[in-house]
């Protein structure tokens, strides 16, 4: 038939780079304190300082959040960036990286609180 086809959809936008102060390429289980891991996790961006971890969870660089404040901030980040959430299905890789970074930041501060106790 003589019907015209619509033009193809535009390509998806390129991924956004991680914020400054983050390093990429770290994998779960690659550190000296890691437990035995049978499969390698994909590379992801991780904060490299206490201030970056605070910023990631929504606190100021010199904040001293309580365990309850940390828990609340982590839950908010987890709900926002969990890869299984409907709003994150089309950007699952970014959501996974941000979710894992939030988990690592939370674990960092919870370990800090455990050491103080």
C-alpha atoms as a PDB file:
ATOM      1  CA  UNK A   1       0.000   0.000   0.000  1.00  0.00           C
ATOM      2  CA  UNK A   2       1.012   3.626  -0.301  1.00  0.00           C
ATOM      3  CA  UNK A   3       0.842   4.383   3.460  1.00  0.00           C
ATOM      4  CA  UNK A   4       3.697   6.299   5.021  1.00  0.00           C
ATOM      5  CA  UNK A   5       5.301   5.018   8.178  1.00  0.00           C
ATOM      6  CA  UNK A   6       5.861   7.410  11.085  1.00  0.00           C
ATOM      7  CA  UNK A   7       9.507   8.318  11.751  1.00  0.00           C
ATOM      8  CA  UNK A   8      11.330   6.134  14.318  1.00  0.00           C
ATOM      9  CA  UNK A   9      11.377   7.399  17.913  1.00  0.00           C
ATOM     10  CA  UNK A  10      14.420   9.442  18.983  1.00  0.00           C
ATOM     11  CA  UNK A  11      17.230   7.578  20.787  1.00  0.00           C
ATOM     12  CA  UNK A  12      17.222   7.667  24.599  1.00  0.00           C
ATOM     13  CA  UNK A  13      19.299  10.403  26.267  1.00  0.00           C
ATOM     14  CA  UNK A  14      22.846   9.471  27.343  1.00  0.00           C
ATOM     15  CA  UNK A  15      23.310   8.487  31.013  1.00  0.00           C
ATOM     16  CA  UNK A  16      24.187  11.269  33.409  1.00  0.00           C
ATOM     17  CA  UNK A  17      27.649  11.154  35.013  1.00  0.00           C
ATOM     18  CA  UNK A  18      27.864  10.622  38.793  1.00  0.00           C
ATOM     19  CA  UNK A  19      28.185  13.726  40.995  1.00  0.00           C
ATOM     20  CA  UNK A  20      31.678  15.056  41.619  1.00  0.00           C
ATOM     21  CA  UNK A  21      33.405  13.550  44.636  1.00  0.00           C
ATOM     22  CA  UNK A  22      32.289  10.039  43.679  1.00  0.00           C
ATOM     23  CA  UNK A  23      34.513   7.346  42.371  1.00  0.00           C
ATOM     24  CA  UNK A  24      33.353   4.630  40.021  1.00  0.00           C
ATOM     25  CA  UNK A  25      34.457   1.083  39.478  1.00  0.00           C
ATOM     26  CA  UNK A  26      34.195  -0.277  43.032  1.00  0.00           C
ATOM     27  CA  UNK A  27      32.532  -3.653  43.318  1.00  0.00           C
ATOM     28  CA  UNK A  28      30.880  -5.318  46.239  1.00  0.00           C
ATOM     29  CA  UNK A  29      33.162  -7.800  47.905  1.00  0.00           C
ATOM     30  CA  UNK A  30      36.379  -6.238  46.628  1.00  0.00           C
ATOM     31  CA  UNK A  31      37.500  -4.819  49.981  1.00  0.00           C
ATOM     32  CA  UNK A  32      39.630  -6.556  52.588  1.00  0.00           C
ATOM     33  CA  UNK A  33      36.704  -6.830  55.030  1.00  0.00           C
ATOM     34  CA  UNK A  34      34.339  -8.467  52.542  1.00  0.00           C
ATOM     35  CA  UNK A  35      32.683 -11.781  53.188  1.00  0.00           C
ATOM     36  CA  UNK A  36      32.926 -14.536  50.633  1.00  0.00           C
ATOM     37  CA  UNK A  37      30.920 -13.575  47.587  1.00  0.00           C
ATOM     38  CA  UNK A  38      30.294 -16.087  44.833  1.00  0.00           C
ATOM     39  CA  UNK A  39      29.351 -13.601  42.149  1.00  0.00           C
ATOM     40  CA  UNK A  40      30.750 -10.192  41.309  1.00  0.00           C
ATOM     41  CA  UNK A  41      28.459  -7.191  41.552  1.00  0.00           C
ATOM     42  CA  UNK A  42      28.381  -4.627  38.744  1.00  0.00           C
ATOM     43  CA  UNK A  43      30.542  -1.495  39.075  1.00  0.00           C
ATOM     44  CA  UNK A  44      28.841   1.428  40.785  1.00  0.00           C
ATOM     45  CA  UNK A  45      29.550   4.909  42.065  1.00  0.00           C
ATOM     46  CA  UNK A  46      30.269   5.143  45.784  1.00  0.00           C
ATOM     47  CA  UNK A  47      30.894   8.134  48.001  1.00  0.00           C
ATOM     48  CA  UNK A  48      34.517   8.330  49.135  1.00  0.00           C
ATOM     49  CA  UNK A  49      34.159  10.436  52.292  1.00  0.00           C
ATOM     50  CA  UNK A  50      32.007  10.996  55.350  1.00  0.00           C
ATOM     51  CA  UNK A  51      30.776  14.308  53.931  1.00  0.00           C
ATOM     52  CA  UNK A  52      29.762  12.609  50.652  1.00  0.00           C
ATOM     53  CA  UNK A  53      27.853   9.945  52.594  1.00  0.00           C
ATOM     54  CA  UNK A  54      26.078  12.650  54.600  1.00  0.00           C
ATOM     55  CA  UNK A  55      25.173  14.545  51.434  1.00  0.00           C
ATOM     56  CA  UNK A  56      23.901  11.369  49.792  1.00  0.00           C
ATOM     57  CA  UNK A  57      21.476  10.808  52.662  1.00  0.00           C
ATOM     58  CA  UNK A  58      20.355  14.448  52.628  1.00  0.00           C
ATOM     59  CA  UNK A  59      22.314  15.876  55.564  1.00  0.00           C
ATOM     60  CA  UNK A  60      24.708  18.818  55.698  1.00  0.00           C
ATOM     61  CA  UNK A  61      28.470  18.139  55.522  1.00  0.00           C
ATOM     62  CA  UNK A  62      28.986  18.722  59.248  1.00  0.00           C
ATOM     63  CA  UNK A  63      25.787  17.067  60.523  1.00  0.00           C
ATOM     64  CA  UNK A  64      25.785  14.496  63.304  1.00  0.00           C
ATOM     65  CA  UNK A  65      22.577  12.547  62.638  1.00  0.00           C
ATOM     66  CA  UNK A  66      21.120  10.187  65.224  1.00  0.00           C
ATOM     67  CA  UNK A  67      20.451   6.553  64.388  1.00  0.00           C
ATOM     68  CA  UNK A  68      16.750   7.354  64.013  1.00  0.00           C
ATOM     69  CA  UNK A  69      17.467  10.228  61.586  1.00  0.00           C
ATOM     70  CA  UNK A  70      19.780   7.970  59.569  1.00  0.00           C
ATOM     71  CA  UNK A  71      17.147   5.255  59.425  1.00  0.00           C
ATOM     72  CA  UNK A  72      14.496   7.714  58.241  1.00  0.00           C
ATOM     73  CA  UNK A  73      16.799   9.196  55.564  1.00  0.00           C
ATOM     74  CA  UNK A  74      17.844   5.742  54.344  1.00  0.00           C
ATOM     75  CA  UNK A  75      14.239   4.543  54.078  1.00  0.00           C
ATOM     76  CA  UNK A  76      13.314   7.628  52.062  1.00  0.00           C
ATOM     77  CA  UNK A  77      16.224   7.003  49.660  1.00  0.00           C
ATOM     78  CA  UNK A  78      15.413   3.297  49.448  1.00  0.00           C
ATOM     79  CA  UNK A  79      11.790   3.983  48.592  1.00  0.00           C
ATOM     80  CA  UNK A  80      12.796   6.547  45.978  1.00  0.00           C
ATOM     81  CA  UNK A  81      15.560   4.544  44.282  1.00  0.00           C
ATOM     82  CA  UNK A  82      14.609   0.873  44.693  1.00  0.00           C
ATOM     83  CA  UNK A  83      15.027  -0.733  41.243  1.00  0.00           C
ATOM     84  CA  UNK A  84      11.694  -2.573  41.543  1.00  0.00           C
ATOM     85  CA  UNK A  85       9.686   0.641  41.997  1.00  0.00           C
ATOM     86  CA  UNK A  86       7.533   1.485  38.944  1.00  0.00           C
ATOM     87  CA  UNK A  87       9.123   4.907  38.394  1.00  0.00           C
ATOM     88  CA  UNK A  88      12.584   3.284  38.161  1.00  0.00           C
ATOM     89  CA  UNK A  89      11.860   0.533  35.643  1.00  0.00           C
ATOM     90  CA  UNK A  90      13.195   2.471  32.677  1.00  0.00           C
ATOM     91  CA  UNK A  91      16.365   3.503  34.516  1.00  0.00           C
ATOM     92  CA  UNK A  92      17.065   0.355  36.483  1.00  0.00           C
ATOM     93  CA  UNK A  93      20.859   0.659  36.264  1.00  0.00           C
ATOM     94  CA  UNK A  94      20.893   4.177  37.724  1.00  0.00           C
ATOM     95  CA  UNK A  95      18.329   3.186  40.365  1.00  0.00           C
ATOM     96  CA  UNK A  96      20.395   0.148  41.364  1.00  0.00           C
ATOM     97  CA  UNK A  97      23.548   2.254  41.710  1.00  0.00           C
ATOM     98  CA  UNK A  98      21.826   4.920  43.789  1.00  0.00           C
ATOM     99  CA  UNK A  99      20.032   2.342  45.935  1.00  0.00           C
ATOM    100  CA  UNK A 100      23.310   0.530  46.641  1.00  0.00           C
ATOM    101  CA  UNK A 101      25.120   3.815  47.356  1.00  0.00           C
ATOM    102  CA  UNK A 102      22.396   4.749  49.872  1.00  0.00           C
ATOM    103  CA  UNK A 103      22.720   1.318  51.530  1.00  0.00           C
ATOM    104  CA  UNK A 104      26.497   1.668  51.775  1.00  0.00           C
ATOM    105  CA  UNK A 105      26.182   5.178  53.245  1.00  0.00           C
ATOM    106  CA  UNK A 106      23.659   3.913  55.811  1.00  0.00           C
ATOM    107  CA  UNK A 107      25.901   0.953  56.709  1.00  0.00           C
ATOM    108  CA  UNK A 108      28.889   3.315  57.062  1.00  0.00           C
ATOM    109  CA  UNK A 109      27.098   5.459  59.643  1.00  0.00           C
ATOM    110  CA  UNK A 110      25.517   2.544  61.485  1.00  0.00           C
ATOM    111  CA  UNK A 111      28.985   1.024  61.876  1.00  0.00           C
ATOM    112  CA  UNK A 112      30.204   4.398  63.148  1.00  0.00           C
ATOM    113  CA  UNK A 113      27.399   4.413  65.748  1.00  0.00           C
ATOM    114  CA  UNK A 114      28.199   0.812  66.767  1.00  0.00           C
ATOM    115  CA  UNK A 115      31.850   1.726  67.357  1.00  0.00           C
ATOM    116  CA  UNK A 116      30.847   4.608  69.638  1.00  0.00           C
ATOM    117  CA  UNK A 117      28.580   2.447  71.775  1.00  0.00           C
END
